[in-house]
Amino acid sequence: MEIIIAMYEISEEERKIRLEREENERKENLRRNAEEIYYDLYNKELNKTKELIKEA
């Protein structure tokens, strides 16, 4: 019986670790996506500014 309980506890710990890892991966993906969007917008604004300077 103790072996079964120990195996259950180990599997619960593994599940917690897996869930934590998945959550960290999700956060990292969100951060990367936000960073990409930020730089895309930044580059668009930079290009607009360059065009305005050329026109001036």
C-alpha atoms as a PDB file:
ATOM      1  CA  MET A   1       0.000   0.000   0.000  1.00  0.00           C
ATOM      2  CA  GLU A   2       2.861   2.379   0.813  1.00  0.00           C
ATOM      3  CA  ILE A   3       4.310   1.794  -2.641  1.00  0.00           C
ATOM      4  CA  ILE A   4       1.015   2.787  -4.269  1.00  0.00           C
ATOM      5  CA  ILE A   5       0.844   5.959  -2.179  1.00  0.00           C
ATOM      6  CA  ALA A   6       4.460   6.811  -3.001  1.00  0.00           C
ATOM      7  CA  MET A   7       3.825   6.247  -6.717  1.00  0.00           C
ATOM      8  CA  TYR A   8       0.754   8.494  -6.534  1.00  0.00           C
ATOM      9  CA  GLU A   9       2.735  11.224  -4.765  1.00  0.00           C
ATOM     10  CA  ILE A  10       5.484  11.002  -7.371  1.00  0.00           C
ATOM     11  CA  SER A  11       2.995  11.195 -10.233  1.00  0.00           C
ATOM     12  CA  GLU A  12       1.349  14.224  -8.587  1.00  0.00           C
ATOM     13  CA  GLU A  13       4.730  15.946  -8.307  1.00  0.00           C
ATOM     14  CA  GLU A  14       5.490  15.121 -11.945  1.00  0.00           C
ATOM     15  CA  ARG A  15       2.106  16.535 -12.942  1.00  0.00           C
ATOM     16  CA  LYS A  16       2.775  19.750 -11.014  1.00  0.00           C
ATOM     17  CA  ILE A  17       6.191  20.092 -12.644  1.00  0.00           C
ATOM     18  CA  ARG A  18       4.714  19.466 -16.098  1.00  0.00           C
ATOM     19  CA  LEU A  19       1.942  22.010 -15.529  1.00  0.00           C
ATOM     20  CA  GLU A  20       4.450  24.574 -14.293  1.00  0.00           C
ATOM     21  CA  ARG A  21       6.668  23.956 -17.320  1.00  0.00           C
ATOM     22  CA  GLU A  22       3.687  24.303 -19.677  1.00  0.00           C
ATOM     23  CA  GLU A  23       2.646  27.549 -17.967  1.00  0.00           C
ATOM     24  CA  ASN A  24       6.182  28.920 -18.275  1.00  0.00           C
ATOM     25  CA  GLU A  25       6.258  27.980 -21.970  1.00  0.00           C
ATOM     26  CA  ARG A  26       2.890  29.668 -22.497  1.00  0.00           C
ATOM     27  CA  LYS A  27       4.128  32.849 -20.803  1.00  0.00           C
ATOM     28  CA  GLU A  28       7.322  32.819 -22.855  1.00  0.00           C
ATOM     29  CA  ASN A  29       5.330  32.400 -26.085  1.00  0.00           C
ATOM     30  CA  LEU A  30       3.073  35.296 -25.116  1.00  0.00           C
ATOM     31  CA  ARG A  31       6.119  37.437 -24.344  1.00  0.00           C
ATOM     32  CA  ARG A  32       7.693  36.590 -27.709  1.00  0.00           C
ATOM     33  CA  ASN A  33       4.462  37.348 -29.561  1.00  0.00           C
ATOM     34  CA  ALA A  34       4.097  40.673 -27.768  1.00  0.00           C
ATOM     35  CA  GLU A  35       7.711  41.515 -28.566  1.00  0.00           C
ATOM     36  CA  GLU A  36       7.182  40.706 -32.263  1.00  0.00           C
ATOM     37  CA  ILE A  37       4.080  42.886 -32.396  1.00  0.00           C
ATOM     38  CA  TYR A  38       5.917  45.728 -30.654  1.00  0.00           C
ATOM     39  CA  TYR A  39       8.831  45.624 -33.101  1.00  0.00           C
ATOM     40  CA  ASP A  40       6.502  45.339 -36.101  1.00  0.00           C
ATOM     41  CA  LEU A  41       4.662  48.464 -34.973  1.00  0.00           C
ATOM     42  CA  TYR A  42       7.932  50.215 -34.162  1.00  0.00           C
ATOM     43  CA  ASN A  43       9.317  49.459 -37.631  1.00  0.00           C
ATOM     44  CA  LYS A  44       6.123  50.661 -39.324  1.00  0.00           C
ATOM     45  CA  GLU A  45       6.290  53.945 -37.412  1.00  0.00           C
ATOM     46  CA  LEU A  46       9.996  54.266 -38.183  1.00  0.00           C
ATOM     47  CA  ASN A  47       9.321  53.758 -41.896  1.00  0.00           C
ATOM     48  CA  LYS A  48       6.519  56.339 -41.804  1.00  0.00           C
ATOM     49  CA  THR A  49       8.863  58.814 -40.129  1.00  0.00           C
ATOM     50  CA  LYS A  50      11.566  58.182 -42.734  1.00  0.00           C
ATOM     51  CA  GLU A  51       9.032  58.770 -45.522  1.00  0.00           C
ATOM     52  CA  LEU A  52       7.899  62.024 -43.914  1.00  0.00           C
ATOM     53  CA  ILE A  53      11.516  63.178 -43.628  1.00  0.00           C
ATOM     54  CA  LYS A  54      12.125  62.353 -47.312  1.00  0.00           C
ATOM     55  CA  GLU A  55       9.039  64.329 -48.309  1.00  0.00           C
ATOM     56  CA  ALA A  56      10.084  67.360 -46.248  1.00  0.00           C
END
